[in-house]
Amino acid sequence: MGQLRIDLLNTNFTIQATEDSEYLEKLYGYYKRIIEDVQKIDTIKNPTQIAILSGIMLCDELYKEKQNKVALENGTYVPADNDFDKAELERKTLEMIAKIDKVL
């Protein structure tokens, strides 16, 4: 069981959850990054509006991931150009080639 101290948007409180504290901190950090992105929008200054828009952005992300999972399971998934980092893909490919060369 973990605890998390939240201090955002002019409010603070502590929550307790069944997940461990490290996991809660990761979630909190991710949510704070979303909030920071929303706060960059000049027309939105109200903390409630920021929190709601951040929640909608997270829901959008989750919904798209679920759609991708269903498409992957159905064999209809087509990755977008931005679904992966090309440099990371190249690095991993070269690592795999090096490992294969070692074995051969």
N, C-alpha and C. Protein backbone atom coordinates (compact mmCIF):
# COMPACT_ATOMS: atom_id res chain seq x y z
N MET A 1 0.86 -1.18 0.00
CA MET A 1 0.00 0.00 0.00
C MET A 1 0.90 1.23 0.00
N GLY A 2 0.60 2.19 -0.85
CA GLY A 2 1.41 3.38 -0.95
C GLY A 2 0.65 4.65 -0.63
N GLN A 3 1.42 5.68 -0.37
CA GLN A 3 0.87 7.00 -0.11
C GLN A 3 1.47 7.99 -1.11
N LEU A 4 0.70 9.01 -1.43
CA LEU A 4 1.18 10.04 -2.34
C LEU A 4 0.68 11.39 -1.88
N ARG A 5 1.60 12.32 -1.76
CA ARG A 5 1.28 13.71 -1.42
C ARG A 5 1.12 14.47 -2.73
N ILE A 6 -0.05 15.06 -2.92
CA ILE A 6 -0.37 15.81 -4.14
C ILE A 6 -0.42 17.29 -3.79
N ASP A 7 0.29 18.07 -4.58
CA ASP A 7 0.32 19.53 -4.40
C ASP A 7 0.29 20.16 -5.79
N LEU A 8 -0.91 20.37 -6.30
CA LEU A 8 -1.11 20.87 -7.66
C LEU A 8 -2.26 21.86 -7.70
N LEU A 9 -2.14 22.83 -8.59
CA LEU A 9 -3.24 23.72 -8.93
C LEU A 9 -3.90 24.34 -7.70
N ASN A 10 -3.08 24.84 -6.81
CA ASN A 10 -3.54 25.53 -5.61
C ASN A 10 -4.30 24.64 -4.63
N THR A 11 -4.02 23.36 -4.66
CA THR A 11 -4.63 22.44 -3.69
C THR A 11 -3.61 21.38 -3.30
N ASN A 12 -3.76 20.84 -2.11
CA ASN A 12 -2.87 19.76 -1.71
C ASN A 12 -3.60 18.80 -0.77
N PHE A 13 -3.23 17.53 -0.91
CA PHE A 13 -3.81 16.47 -0.09
C PHE A 13 -2.97 15.23 -0.25
N THR A 14 -3.22 14.24 0.58
CA THR A 14 -2.51 12.98 0.52
C THR A 14 -3.50 11.86 0.23
N ILE A 15 -3.10 10.95 -0.64
CA ILE A 15 -3.96 9.80 -0.93
C ILE A 15 -3.24 8.52 -0.51
N GLN A 16 -4.02 7.49 -0.28
CA GLN A 16 -3.50 6.17 0.00
C GLN A 16 -4.11 5.24 -1.02
N ALA A 17 -3.29 4.34 -1.58
CA ALA A 17 -3.78 3.44 -2.61
C ALA A 17 -3.14 2.07 -2.45
N THR A 18 -3.68 1.09 -3.14
CA THR A 18 -3.14 -0.26 -3.05
C THR A 18 -1.80 -0.38 -3.80
N GLU A 19 -1.53 0.49 -4.75
CA GLU A 19 -0.27 0.47 -5.48
C GLU A 19 0.84 1.00 -4.57
N ASP A 20 2.09 0.64 -4.90
CA ASP A 20 3.20 1.12 -4.08
C ASP A 20 3.52 2.59 -4.38
N SER A 21 4.21 3.22 -3.46
CA SER A 21 4.50 4.66 -3.55
C SER A 21 5.30 5.01 -4.79
N GLU A 22 6.23 4.15 -5.19
CA GLU A 22 7.05 4.42 -6.38
C GLU A 22 6.17 4.53 -7.63
N TYR A 23 5.23 3.62 -7.75
CA TYR A 23 4.31 3.64 -8.89
C TYR A 23 3.44 4.90 -8.85
N LEU A 24 2.95 5.24 -7.68
CA LEU A 24 2.13 6.45 -7.54
C LEU A 24 2.92 7.69 -7.93
N GLU A 25 4.19 7.75 -7.55
CA GLU A 25 5.05 8.89 -7.90
C GLU A 25 5.23 8.99 -9.42
N LYS A 26 5.37 7.85 -10.09
CA LYS A 26 5.49 7.85 -11.55
C LYS A 26 4.23 8.41 -12.20
N LEU A 27 3.07 7.94 -11.71
CA LEU A 27 1.80 8.45 -12.25
C LEU A 27 1.66 9.95 -12.02
N TYR A 28 2.01 10.36 -10.82
CA TYR A 28 1.92 11.78 -10.44
C TYR A 28 2.84 12.62 -11.32
N GLY A 29 4.05 12.15 -11.56
CA GLY A 29 4.98 12.87 -12.43
C GLY A 29 4.44 13.00 -13.84
N TYR A 30 3.83 11.93 -14.35
CA TYR A 30 3.27 11.96 -15.70
C TYR A 30 2.11 12.96 -15.77
N TYR A 31 1.25 12.92 -14.76
CA TYR A 31 0.12 13.84 -14.73
C TYR A 31 0.60 15.29 -14.63
N LYS A 32 1.64 15.53 -13.85
CA LYS A 32 2.17 16.89 -13.73
C LYS A 32 2.71 17.39 -15.07
N ARG A 33 3.31 16.49 -15.86
CA ARG A 33 3.80 16.91 -17.19
C ARG A 33 2.63 17.28 -18.09
N ILE A 34 1.53 16.54 -18.01
CA ILE A 34 0.34 16.86 -18.80
C ILE A 34 -0.19 18.24 -18.36
N ILE A 35 -0.27 18.46 -17.08
CA ILE A 35 -0.75 19.75 -16.56
C ILE A 35 0.15 20.89 -17.03
N GLU A 36 1.46 20.68 -17.01
CA GLU A 36 2.39 21.71 -17.47
C GLU A 36 2.14 22.04 -18.94
N ASP A 37 1.85 21.03 -19.76
CA ASP A 37 1.54 21.27 -21.17
C ASP A 37 0.27 22.10 -21.31
N VAL A 38 -0.74 21.77 -20.53
CA VAL A 38 -2.01 22.51 -20.60
C VAL A 38 -1.80 23.95 -20.12
N GLN A 39 -0.99 24.14 -19.11
CA GLN A 39 -0.76 25.48 -18.57
C GLN A 39 -0.06 26.39 -19.59
N LYS A 40 0.55 25.83 -20.60
CA LYS A 40 1.20 26.63 -21.64
C LYS A 40 0.18 27.28 -22.57
N ILE A 41 -1.06 26.81 -22.51
CA ILE A 41 -2.13 27.41 -23.32
C ILE A 41 -2.54 28.70 -22.63
N ASP A 42 -2.30 29.82 -23.27
CA ASP A 42 -2.51 31.13 -22.65
C ASP A 42 -3.95 31.41 -22.23
N THR A 43 -4.90 30.83 -22.91
CA THR A 43 -6.30 31.17 -22.61
C THR A 43 -6.88 30.37 -21.44
N ILE A 44 -6.15 29.39 -20.94
CA ILE A 44 -6.66 28.58 -19.84
C ILE A 44 -5.82 28.85 -18.58
N LYS A 45 -6.45 29.49 -17.60
CA LYS A 45 -5.76 29.84 -16.36
C LYS A 45 -6.45 29.27 -15.12
N ASN A 46 -7.71 28.94 -15.23
CA ASN A 46 -8.48 28.43 -14.11
C ASN A 46 -8.02 27.01 -13.75
N PRO A 47 -7.65 26.75 -12.48
CA PRO A 47 -7.16 25.43 -12.09
C PRO A 47 -8.14 24.29 -12.39
N THR A 48 -9.43 24.54 -12.25
CA THR A 48 -10.41 23.50 -12.55
C THR A 48 -10.40 23.16 -14.04
N GLN A 49 -10.34 24.19 -14.87
CA GLN A 49 -10.29 23.97 -16.32
C GLN A 49 -9.01 23.23 -16.71
N ILE A 50 -7.90 23.59 -16.08
CA ILE A 50 -6.62 22.91 -16.36
C ILE A 50 -6.73 21.44 -15.99
N ALA A 51 -7.28 21.13 -14.82
CA ALA A 51 -7.41 19.75 -14.38
C ALA A 51 -8.34 18.95 -15.30
N ILE A 52 -9.45 19.56 -15.71
CA ILE A 52 -10.41 18.87 -16.58
C ILE A 52 -9.79 18.61 -17.95
N LEU A 53 -9.15 19.61 -18.53
CA LEU A 53 -8.54 19.43 -19.85
C LEU A 53 -7.41 18.40 -19.78
N SER A 54 -6.64 18.40 -18.70
CA SER A 54 -5.58 17.40 -18.52
C SER A 54 -6.18 16.00 -18.46
N GLY A 55 -7.28 15.85 -17.74
CA GLY A 55 -7.97 14.56 -17.66
C GLY A 55 -8.48 14.11 -19.02
N ILE A 56 -9.01 15.03 -19.80
CA ILE A 56 -9.50 14.69 -21.15
C ILE A 56 -8.35 14.26 -22.03
N MET A 57 -7.21 14.94 -21.92
CA MET A 57 -6.04 14.56 -22.72
C MET A 57 -5.57 13.15 -22.36
N LEU A 58 -5.59 12.82 -21.08
CA LEU A 58 -5.20 11.48 -20.66
C LEU A 58 -6.21 10.44 -21.15
N CYS A 59 -7.49 10.77 -21.11
CA CYS A 59 -8.52 9.86 -21.62
C CYS A 59 -8.33 9.62 -23.11
N ASP A 60 -8.00 10.67 -23.84
CA ASP A 60 -7.76 10.55 -25.28
C ASP A 60 -6.58 9.60 -25.53
N GLU A 61 -5.53 9.77 -24.76
CA GLU A 61 -4.35 8.90 -24.91
C GLU A 61 -4.71 7.44 -24.61
N LEU A 62 -5.43 7.22 -23.54
CA LEU A 62 -5.84 5.87 -23.16
C LEU A 62 -6.76 5.25 -24.23
N TYR A 63 -7.70 6.03 -24.70
CA TYR A 63 -8.65 5.54 -25.71
C TYR A 63 -7.92 5.12 -26.99
N LYS A 64 -6.98 5.95 -27.42
CA LYS A 64 -6.21 5.62 -28.63
C LYS A 64 -5.39 4.35 -28.43
N GLU A 65 -4.80 4.20 -27.26
CA GLU A 65 -4.02 2.99 -26.97
C GLU A 65 -4.91 1.75 -26.98
N LYS A 66 -6.11 1.88 -26.44
CA LYS A 66 -7.04 0.74 -26.45
C LYS A 66 -7.45 0.40 -27.88
N GLN A 67 -7.69 1.42 -28.70
CA GLN A 67 -8.03 1.19 -30.10
C GLN A 67 -6.88 0.48 -30.81
N ASN A 68 -5.65 0.91 -30.55
CA ASN A 68 -4.49 0.27 -31.16
C ASN A 68 -4.37 -1.18 -30.72
N LYS A 69 -4.64 -1.46 -29.46
CA LYS A 69 -4.57 -2.83 -28.95
C LYS A 69 -5.58 -3.73 -29.65
N VAL A 70 -6.80 -3.23 -29.79
CA VAL A 70 -7.85 -4.01 -30.48
C VAL A 70 -7.44 -4.23 -31.93
N ALA A 71 -6.94 -3.20 -32.58
CA ALA A 71 -6.52 -3.33 -33.98
C ALA A 71 -5.37 -4.32 -34.11
N LEU A 72 -4.45 -4.29 -33.16
CA LEU A 72 -3.33 -5.22 -33.17
C LEU A 72 -3.82 -6.66 -33.01
N GLU A 73 -4.75 -6.86 -32.09
CA GLU A 73 -5.31 -8.19 -31.88
C GLU A 73 -6.09 -8.69 -33.09
N ASN A 74 -6.72 -7.76 -33.82
CA ASN A 74 -7.49 -8.12 -35.01
C ASN A 74 -6.64 -8.21 -36.27
N GLY A 75 -5.37 -7.82 -36.15
CA GLY A 75 -4.49 -7.84 -37.31
C GLY A 75 -4.69 -6.68 -38.25
N THR A 76 -5.33 -5.61 -37.78
CA THR A 76 -5.60 -4.46 -38.64
C THR A 76 -4.78 -3.23 -38.26
N TYR A 77 -3.84 -3.39 -37.32
CA TYR A 77 -3.05 -2.25 -36.83
C TYR A 77 -2.04 -1.80 -37.88
N VAL A 78 -2.04 -0.52 -38.16
CA VAL A 78 -1.06 0.08 -39.06
C VAL A 78 -0.37 1.20 -38.28
N PRO A 79 0.92 1.03 -37.96
CA PRO A 79 1.60 2.05 -37.15
C PRO A 79 1.72 3.38 -37.90
N ALA A 80 1.55 4.45 -37.17
CA ALA A 80 1.76 5.78 -37.73
C ALA A 80 3.26 6.04 -37.76
N ASP A 81 3.66 7.02 -38.54
CA ASP A 81 5.09 7.36 -38.64
C ASP A 81 5.69 7.71 -37.29
N ASN A 82 4.90 8.30 -36.40
CA ASN A 82 5.43 8.74 -35.12
C ASN A 82 5.27 7.70 -34.01
N ASP A 83 4.91 6.46 -34.34
CA ASP A 83 4.71 5.43 -33.33
C ASP A 83 6.03 4.92 -32.74
N PHE A 84 7.14 5.19 -33.39
CA PHE A 84 8.40 4.72 -32.87
C PHE A 84 9.50 5.72 -33.20
N ASP A 85 10.54 5.65 -32.44
CA ASP A 85 11.70 6.50 -32.65
C ASP A 85 12.63 5.76 -33.61
N LYS A 86 12.84 6.32 -34.79
CA LYS A 86 13.65 5.64 -35.81
C LYS A 86 15.07 5.42 -35.34
N ALA A 87 15.65 6.35 -34.62
CA ALA A 87 17.01 6.18 -34.10
C ALA A 87 17.07 5.02 -33.11
N GLU A 88 16.06 4.91 -32.27
CA GLU A 88 16.00 3.82 -31.30
C GLU A 88 15.83 2.49 -32.02
N LEU A 89 15.02 2.46 -33.04
CA LEU A 89 14.82 1.25 -33.83
C LEU A 89 16.13 0.83 -34.49
N GLU A 90 16.85 1.79 -35.04
CA GLU A 90 18.13 1.48 -35.68
C GLU A 90 19.13 0.95 -34.65
N ARG A 91 19.18 1.57 -33.48
CA ARG A 91 20.10 1.14 -32.43
C ARG A 91 19.80 -0.31 -32.02
N LYS A 92 18.54 -0.62 -31.83
CA LYS A 92 18.17 -1.98 -31.44
C LYS A 92 18.47 -2.98 -32.55
N THR A 93 18.26 -2.59 -33.78
CA THR A 93 18.56 -3.47 -34.90
C THR A 93 20.05 -3.78 -34.95
N LEU A 94 20.88 -2.76 -34.78
CA LEU A 94 22.33 -2.97 -34.79
C LEU A 94 22.77 -3.85 -33.61
N GLU A 95 22.13 -3.69 -32.46
CA GLU A 95 22.43 -4.55 -31.31
C GLU A 95 22.10 -6.00 -31.63
N MET A 96 20.96 -6.22 -32.27
CA MET A 96 20.56 -7.58 -32.61
C MET A 96 21.51 -8.19 -33.62
N ILE A 97 21.94 -7.42 -34.60
CA ILE A 97 22.89 -7.92 -35.61
C ILE A 97 24.20 -8.29 -34.94
N ALA A 98 24.66 -7.46 -34.01
CA ALA A 98 25.91 -7.75 -33.30
C ALA A 98 25.79 -9.05 -32.50
N LYS A 99 24.65 -9.26 -31.84
CA LYS A 99 24.45 -10.48 -31.07
C LYS A 99 24.41 -11.71 -31.99
N ILE A 100 23.77 -11.58 -33.12
CA ILE A 100 23.72 -12.70 -34.09
C ILE A 100 25.11 -13.00 -34.60
N ASP A 101 25.88 -11.96 -34.93
CA ASP A 101 27.25 -12.15 -35.41
C ASP A 101 28.11 -12.86 -34.37
N LYS A 102 27.89 -12.54 -33.10
CA LYS A 102 28.65 -13.17 -32.02
C LYS A 102 28.38 -14.67 -31.95
N VAL A 103 27.12 -15.03 -32.12
CA VAL A 103 26.73 -16.43 -32.03
C VAL A 103 27.24 -17.23 -33.24
N LEU A 104 27.24 -16.59 -34.38
CA LEU A 104 27.69 -17.28 -35.60
C LEU A 104 29.18 -17.30 -35.61
